[in-house]
Amino acid sequence: MPCTICGKPGYQAPDGTTSDYCSNSHREEAVRRKIMDPCTWCGVRAKYEDANGYVHPYCGKTCANAASAGRANGTQAPAVRIAQRAARAAANGCLVCGKPVFVDRNGVASEYCGQRHRREAVTRQLAEGCLRCYQLPKAKRLDGTLYDFCGKKCGDETNRAAPILYRLEPATRNYQSVSDQFKNQWLHTNKTRPQIYAIYKIFLSPELVQSYEVYRQGVESRGLFTATRTARKMEPGNEQRRFHGTVLMCNLDTSATSSKSDDYSTSQNGHYKAMLLNRVVVGKAIKLTDDDETLTSPPAGHDSVIGQPGGNLNYDELIVYTDDAIRPAYLIVYETPSPVQPGQQGQQAALPAPAGTLLPW
């Protein structure tokens, strides 16, 4: 069967069936030319037509399975988000000048009329800048959330340079999210809540990211946390963000309480301290109210141990027992909450490293 677009032989699947198209790009082209309706789920490729002439609602099994999972967990189809974003962009126009926005060949609308106004949006602080080049806006996902970079080039360059950290601007969503968690979880009443000096986002090597994600997926496949209906939407593997204040002797203890982690952070000059905010795969946790120093692994059927206030514990702590269950995500640099000692008055504070600094591990 020839390709509907170019006339070349259609793609032949392993089971012997032949597609109406020679490639995925021409399946997408059929949608752009309005020869076929787009897949109900992805909104990009043409719907699949079987040998009997029946047109299925999806382009293939991948989108059909994704749609089934989406109905179960309430995920909105990418096709719907593409249409909504295009409608909003068309109604609002370019963020800089208000003229019609650029729409690519897949029907995905930009928020700008061209490259010049993409750059101007960053300089005028109308959009968050790419963490690597800071010249173009961060790319936006279909659900409206932002990537860290403007595109593949800056993302690939960061992966090659990793481990590396980038300083976040205070007006960005990531900065505000981390700052709010740090401030809201400062629970000690005997220490004044400190001012944040800087927040850096940490990018690890692809190998470290992959081993963490493999572990997280294994925990998710056992616990099915994303399918669990709770008051709080659970992340894969019951991933949560936890603070860690150790400077030299690294262990796998973290806490939801920033002021507790501050107890384990040491200032080299009396002016600034640092703390990590980590991504931690909690999985199924057992909860204790007293220390148990005999534990060298979580009890059978559990992935972690949570210490709850009560017994001899005043503040929470979370313990995991494998390196792949935890990865640093942000570095928070803040003013030392305790008063500077008299002998340190007038000393110049050592400033943290600038954005784009390579990490020594």
Protein backbone atom coordinates (compact mmCIF):
# COMPACT_ATOMS: atom_id res chain seq x y z
CA MET A 1 0.00 0.00 0.00
CA PRO A 2 1.54 3.37 -0.99
CA CYS A 3 2.00 6.23 1.45
CA THR A 4 -0.92 8.64 1.29
CA ILE A 5 1.48 11.60 1.29
CA CYS A 6 4.39 10.67 -0.97
CA GLY A 7 3.38 7.45 -2.75
CA LYS A 8 6.31 5.42 -1.40
CA PRO A 9 5.60 1.95 0.08
CA GLY A 10 3.83 2.18 3.42
CA TYR A 11 5.53 1.02 6.61
CA GLN A 12 5.14 -2.71 7.16
CA ALA A 13 4.75 -3.79 10.79
CA PRO A 14 6.27 -7.01 12.19
CA ASP A 15 2.85 -8.68 12.05
CA GLY A 16 2.69 -8.07 8.27
CA THR A 17 0.15 -5.24 8.28
CA THR A 18 0.97 -2.21 6.14
CA SER A 19 0.41 1.40 7.19
CA ASP A 20 -1.09 4.11 5.00
CA TYR A 21 2.09 6.11 5.63
CA CYS A 22 5.78 5.49 5.10
CA SER A 23 6.80 7.16 8.38
CA ASN A 24 5.50 8.96 11.47
CA SER A 25 6.41 12.31 9.95
CA HIS A 26 3.99 11.66 7.06
CA ARG A 27 1.32 10.47 9.49
CA GLU A 28 1.69 13.88 11.13
CA GLU A 29 1.69 15.55 7.70
CA ALA A 30 -1.68 13.93 6.96
CA VAL A 31 -3.11 15.75 9.98
CA ARG A 32 -1.56 19.08 8.95
CA ARG A 33 -3.05 18.73 5.46
CA LYS A 34 -6.37 17.70 7.05
CA ILE A 35 -6.40 14.42 5.12
CA MET A 36 -7.07 12.58 8.39
CA ASP A 37 -8.31 13.60 11.81
CA PRO A 38 -5.70 13.70 14.59
CA CYS A 39 -5.39 11.05 17.29
CA THR A 40 -7.80 11.78 20.13
CA TRP A 41 -4.98 11.47 22.68
CA CYS A 42 -1.78 12.96 21.25
CA GLY A 43 -3.40 15.29 18.72
CA VAL A 44 -0.35 15.02 16.44
CA ARG A 45 -0.51 11.82 14.38
CA ALA A 46 -3.39 10.57 12.22
CA LYS A 47 -5.90 8.14 13.63
CA TYR A 48 -5.24 4.49 12.78
CA GLU A 49 -7.39 2.97 10.01
CA ASP A 50 -7.47 -0.84 9.99
CA ALA A 51 -7.77 -3.21 7.02
CA ASN A 52 -11.57 -3.15 7.27
CA GLY A 53 -11.68 0.62 6.89
CA TYR A 54 -12.56 1.25 10.54
CA VAL A 55 -10.94 4.44 11.87
CA HIS A 56 -9.85 4.01 15.49
CA PRO A 57 -9.85 7.00 17.87
CA TYR A 58 -6.09 6.72 18.45
CA CYS A 59 -2.98 6.61 16.29
CA GLY A 60 -1.78 3.34 17.84
CA LYS A 61 -1.51 1.15 20.93
CA THR A 62 0.78 3.56 22.77
CA CYS A 63 -1.76 6.38 22.73
CA ALA A 64 -4.65 3.96 23.35
CA ASN A 65 -2.94 2.66 26.50
CA ALA A 66 -2.03 6.20 27.60
CA ALA A 67 -5.66 7.26 27.16
CA SER A 68 -6.84 4.33 29.27
CA ALA A 69 -4.40 5.25 32.04
CA GLY A 70 -5.38 8.90 31.71
CA ARG A 71 -9.04 8.14 32.28
CA ALA A 72 -8.10 6.18 35.41
CA ASN A 73 -5.99 8.93 37.02
CA GLY A 74 -7.71 12.00 35.59
CA THR A 75 -4.89 13.07 33.25
CA GLN A 76 -5.96 15.41 30.47
CA ALA A 77 -5.11 14.39 26.91
CA PRO A 78 -2.21 16.25 25.25
CA ALA A 79 -4.51 16.92 22.28
CA VAL A 80 -6.85 18.89 24.53
CA ARG A 81 -3.97 20.86 26.03
CA ILE A 82 -2.57 21.66 22.58
CA ALA A 83 -5.96 22.99 21.46
CA GLN A 84 -6.44 25.01 24.64
CA ARG A 85 -2.97 26.52 24.45
CA ALA A 86 -3.43 27.42 20.78
CA ALA A 87 -6.77 29.04 21.57
CA ARG A 88 -5.31 31.07 24.45
CA ALA A 89 -2.33 32.16 22.35
CA ALA A 90 -4.55 33.14 19.45
CA ALA A 91 -6.83 35.13 21.75
CA ASN A 92 -4.06 36.86 23.71
CA GLY A 93 -1.46 37.37 20.97
CA CYS A 94 2.28 37.80 21.45
CA LEU A 95 3.19 38.55 25.08
CA VAL A 96 5.39 41.44 23.94
CA CYS A 97 3.48 43.14 21.11
CA GLY A 98 0.03 41.51 20.95
CA LYS A 99 0.39 40.45 17.31
CA PRO A 100 -0.60 36.93 16.18
CA VAL A 101 1.73 34.27 17.56
CA PHE A 102 3.87 31.80 15.65
CA VAL A 103 2.33 28.34 15.19
CA ASP A 104 4.57 25.41 14.24
CA ARG A 105 3.71 22.69 11.74
CA ASN A 106 2.28 20.47 14.49
CA GLY A 107 -0.21 23.17 15.43
CA VAL A 108 1.59 24.03 18.68
CA ALA A 109 1.36 27.76 19.30
CA SER A 110 4.19 29.85 20.69
CA GLU A 111 3.53 32.78 23.00
CA TYR A 112 5.50 35.12 20.73
CA CYS A 113 5.37 36.34 17.19
CA GLY A 114 9.07 35.68 16.56
CA GLN A 115 12.55 35.15 17.99
CA ARG A 116 13.24 38.82 18.68
CA HIS A 117 10.26 39.10 20.99
CA ARG A 118 11.11 35.78 22.66
CA ARG A 119 14.42 37.36 23.73
CA GLU A 120 12.77 40.64 24.67
CA ALA A 121 10.32 38.81 26.95
CA VAL A 122 13.28 37.70 29.10
CA THR A 123 14.97 41.12 29.23
CA ARG A 124 11.65 42.75 30.15
CA GLN A 125 11.02 40.03 32.77
CA LEU A 126 7.79 38.96 31.12
CA ALA A 127 9.00 35.35 31.09
CA GLU A 128 11.46 33.21 33.06
CA GLY A 129 14.80 32.87 31.30
CA CYS A 130 16.50 29.58 30.39
CA LEU A 131 18.79 28.55 33.26
CA ARG A 132 21.74 27.97 30.93
CA CYS A 133 21.72 30.77 28.33
CA TYR A 134 19.28 33.16 30.02
CA GLN A 135 18.60 34.66 26.57
CA LEU A 136 15.38 32.86 25.62
CA PRO A 137 12.33 31.95 27.72
CA LYS A 138 12.02 28.53 29.26
CA ALA A 139 10.09 26.11 27.06
CA LYS A 140 6.59 25.35 28.24
CA ARG A 141 5.04 21.90 28.58
CA LEU A 142 1.54 21.20 27.32
CA ASP A 143 0.20 21.35 30.89
CA GLY A 144 1.58 24.87 31.31
CA THR A 145 4.54 23.99 33.54
CA LEU A 146 8.00 25.14 32.54
CA TYR A 147 11.11 23.23 31.53
CA ASP A 148 14.40 24.50 32.96
CA PHE A 149 15.76 25.34 29.53
CA CYS A 150 14.73 27.07 26.31
CA GLY A 151 15.26 23.95 24.24
CA LYS A 152 17.20 20.75 23.61
CA LYS A 153 20.53 22.48 22.96
CA CYS A 154 20.79 24.08 26.41
CA GLY A 155 19.52 20.91 28.07
CA ASP A 156 22.13 18.76 26.32
CA GLU A 157 24.91 21.21 27.20
CA THR A 158 23.92 21.03 30.86
CA ASN A 159 23.94 17.22 30.82
CA ARG A 160 27.45 17.24 29.38
CA ALA A 161 28.65 19.73 32.01
CA ALA A 162 26.94 18.00 34.96
CA PRO A 163 27.18 17.91 37.88
CA ILE A 164 26.55 21.64 37.81
CA LEU A 165 24.32 24.15 39.58
CA TYR A 166 22.52 27.27 38.41
CA ARG A 167 21.42 30.16 40.58
CA LEU A 168 17.66 30.81 40.54
CA GLU A 169 16.15 34.26 40.23
CA PRO A 170 13.90 35.18 43.20
CA ALA A 171 10.90 35.88 40.93
CA THR A 172 10.85 32.36 39.46
CA ARG A 173 8.41 29.64 40.46
CA ASN A 174 11.14 27.20 41.49
CA TYR A 175 12.74 29.76 43.80
CA GLN A 176 9.41 30.64 45.40
CA SER A 177 8.49 26.98 45.90
CA VAL A 178 11.78 26.16 47.65
CA SER A 179 11.78 29.41 49.63
CA ASP A 180 8.22 28.83 50.87
CA GLN A 181 9.02 25.29 51.97
CA PHE A 182 12.16 26.46 53.80
CA LYS A 183 10.33 29.27 55.62
CA ASN A 184 7.11 27.39 56.39
CA GLN A 185 9.00 24.43 57.85
CA TRP A 186 11.26 26.52 60.11
CA LEU A 187 9.60 25.31 63.31
CA HIS A 188 12.18 25.86 66.06
CA THR A 189 11.10 28.69 68.34
CA ASN A 190 14.56 29.20 69.82
CA LYS A 191 16.08 30.25 66.47
CA THR A 192 15.03 33.23 64.40
CA ARG A 193 14.06 32.30 60.86
CA PRO A 194 16.98 33.37 58.63
CA GLN A 195 17.00 35.31 55.39
CA ILE A 196 17.78 33.30 52.26
CA TYR A 197 20.83 34.58 50.37
CA ALA A 198 20.59 32.37 47.28
CA ILE A 199 18.99 29.19 45.94
CA TYR A 200 20.72 27.02 43.35
CA LYS A 201 19.19 24.20 41.32
CA ILE A 202 21.43 21.14 41.06
CA PHE A 203 21.79 19.17 37.84
CA LEU A 204 23.37 15.74 38.18
CA SER A 205 24.97 13.53 35.56
CA PRO A 206 22.56 11.47 33.41
CA GLU A 207 23.93 8.31 35.05
CA LEU A 208 22.99 9.48 38.57
CA VAL A 209 19.57 10.60 37.37
CA GLN A 210 18.94 7.30 35.62
CA SER A 211 19.87 5.12 38.61
CA TYR A 212 17.56 7.20 40.82
CA GLU A 213 14.68 6.93 38.33
CA VAL A 214 15.15 3.17 37.95
CA TYR A 215 14.96 2.76 41.73
CA ARG A 216 11.93 5.07 41.94
CA GLN A 217 10.12 3.11 39.22
CA GLY A 218 10.80 -0.15 41.04
CA VAL A 219 9.29 1.24 44.24
CA GLU A 220 6.32 2.65 42.29
CA SER A 221 5.65 -0.69 40.56
CA ARG A 222 5.40 -2.37 43.99
CA GLY A 223 3.39 0.30 45.76
CA LEU A 224 1.33 1.86 42.92
CA PHE A 225 1.37 5.20 44.76
CA THR A 226 0.22 7.32 41.81
CA ALA A 227 -2.95 5.23 41.55
CA THR A 228 -3.72 5.66 45.26
CA ARG A 229 -6.51 8.09 46.01
CA THR A 230 -5.42 10.33 48.88
CA ALA A 231 -5.94 13.95 49.92
CA ARG A 232 -2.46 14.71 48.53
CA LYS A 233 -1.67 13.64 44.96
CA MET A 234 1.23 11.21 45.31
CA GLU A 235 4.29 11.29 43.07
CA PRO A 236 5.84 8.12 41.59
CA GLY A 237 7.48 6.07 44.34
CA ASN A 238 5.89 8.45 46.87
CA GLU A 239 8.70 10.90 46.08
CA GLN A 240 8.92 13.83 48.49
CA ARG A 241 11.24 16.79 49.13
CA ARG A 242 13.27 16.72 52.33
CA PHE A 243 16.02 18.88 53.85
CA HIS A 244 19.53 17.71 54.69
CA GLY A 245 22.03 19.80 56.63
CA THR A 246 25.12 17.60 56.94
CA VAL A 247 28.31 19.27 55.67
CA LEU A 248 31.06 16.61 55.56
CA MET A 249 29.80 13.35 57.04
CA CYS A 250 27.01 12.46 54.62
CA ASN A 251 24.28 10.11 55.77
CA LEU A 252 20.81 9.37 54.45
CA ASP A 253 18.83 11.19 57.17
CA THR A 254 16.54 13.98 55.98
CA SER A 255 13.76 16.04 57.53
CA ALA A 256 10.69 17.97 56.49
CA THR A 257 11.70 20.56 59.11
CA SER A 258 14.28 23.02 57.78
CA SER A 259 15.19 24.29 61.27
CA LYS A 260 16.06 20.72 62.34
CA SER A 261 18.40 20.28 59.38
CA ASP A 262 20.00 23.61 60.27
CA ASP A 263 21.27 21.99 63.49
CA TYR A 264 23.57 19.82 61.36
CA SER A 265 24.85 22.58 59.08
CA THR A 266 28.09 24.35 60.00
CA SER A 267 29.10 27.89 59.02
CA GLN A 268 32.75 28.34 58.07
CA ASN A 269 32.78 32.10 58.71
CA GLY A 270 29.73 32.78 60.86
CA HIS A 271 27.86 34.62 58.09
CA TYR A 272 26.33 31.96 55.86
CA LYS A 273 25.16 28.37 56.12
CA ALA A 274 24.01 25.91 53.46
CA MET A 275 21.37 23.21 53.29
CA LEU A 276 20.27 20.73 50.63
CA LEU A 277 16.68 20.14 49.58
CA ASN A 278 16.53 16.63 48.19
CA ARG A 279 14.24 14.43 46.17
CA VAL A 280 13.64 11.30 48.24
CA VAL A 281 11.84 8.09 47.27
CA VAL A 282 9.86 7.43 50.45
CA GLY A 283 7.86 4.47 49.12
CA LYS A 284 6.08 2.61 51.91
CA ALA A 285 7.40 3.97 55.21
CA ILE A 286 7.17 2.58 58.72
CA LYS A 287 6.58 5.27 61.36
CA LEU A 288 8.37 5.25 64.73
CA THR A 289 8.35 7.68 67.65
CA ASP A 290 11.61 6.52 69.26
CA ASP A 291 15.16 6.04 67.97
CA ASP A 292 16.09 2.52 66.90
CA GLU A 293 19.83 2.42 66.24
CA THR A 294 19.70 -1.32 65.54
CA LEU A 295 18.01 -0.77 62.18
CA THR A 296 20.39 -1.16 59.23
CA SER A 297 17.60 -1.53 56.67
CA PRO A 298 13.88 -0.85 56.62
CA PRO A 299 11.67 -3.59 58.06
CA ALA A 300 10.37 -6.18 55.60
CA GLY A 301 7.72 -4.76 53.30
CA HIS A 302 8.90 -1.16 53.77
CA ASP A 303 11.19 1.19 51.85
CA SER A 304 12.03 3.79 54.50
CA VAL A 305 11.65 4.77 58.15
CA ILE A 306 9.94 7.95 59.35
CA GLY A 307 10.60 9.24 62.85
CA GLN A 308 7.58 11.12 64.17
CA PRO A 309 7.52 13.58 67.08
CA GLY A 310 6.67 11.77 70.29
CA GLY A 311 8.68 9.43 72.48
CA ASN A 312 12.26 10.76 72.39
CA LEU A 313 11.88 12.55 69.03
CA ASN A 314 11.05 16.25 69.01
CA TYR A 315 11.01 16.73 65.22
CA ASP A 316 10.49 14.49 62.23
CA GLU A 317 13.16 12.65 60.28
CA LEU A 318 13.15 10.37 57.25
CA ILE A 319 15.75 7.64 56.73
CA VAL A 320 16.42 5.70 53.54
CA TYR A 321 18.96 2.91 53.27
CA THR A 322 20.21 3.04 49.68
CA ASP A 323 22.00 5.81 47.79
CA ASP A 324 19.64 5.51 44.84
CA ALA A 325 16.69 6.56 47.01
CA ILE A 326 17.91 10.16 47.33
CA ARG A 327 19.30 12.87 45.08
CA PRO A 328 20.13 16.53 45.90
CA ALA A 329 17.83 18.90 44.02
CA TYR A 330 18.50 22.39 45.43
CA LEU A 331 21.22 24.12 47.45
CA ILE A 332 19.93 26.82 49.82
CA VAL A 333 22.43 29.40 51.10
CA TYR A 334 21.11 31.44 54.03
CA GLU A 335 22.27 33.77 56.76
CA THR A 336 23.36 32.09 59.97
CA PRO A 337 20.31 32.28 62.26
CA SER A 338 22.33 32.66 65.46
CA PRO A 339 23.97 36.06 66.19
CA VAL A 340 27.50 36.58 64.89
CA GLN A 341 30.12 36.24 67.65
CA PRO A 342 31.81 39.51 68.81
CA GLY A 343 35.20 38.43 67.45
CA GLN A 344 33.72 38.09 63.96
CA GLN A 345 32.29 41.60 63.72
CA GLY A 346 33.45 43.44 60.62
CA GLN A 347 34.73 40.36 58.81
CA GLN A 348 33.92 40.12 55.11
CA ALA A 349 31.45 37.30 54.39
CA ALA A 350 32.61 34.74 51.85
CA LEU A 351 30.02 34.76 49.06
CA PRO A 352 28.64 31.56 47.52
CA ALA A 353 29.78 30.37 44.11
CA PRO A 354 28.18 32.03 41.05
CA ALA A 355 25.66 30.39 38.75
CA GLY A 356 26.97 27.69 36.45
CA THR A 357 29.51 26.43 38.99
CA LEU A 358 30.77 22.87 38.58
CA LEU A 359 30.28 20.67 41.61
CA PRO A 360 33.19 18.56 42.95
CA TRP A 361 31.26 15.28 42.93
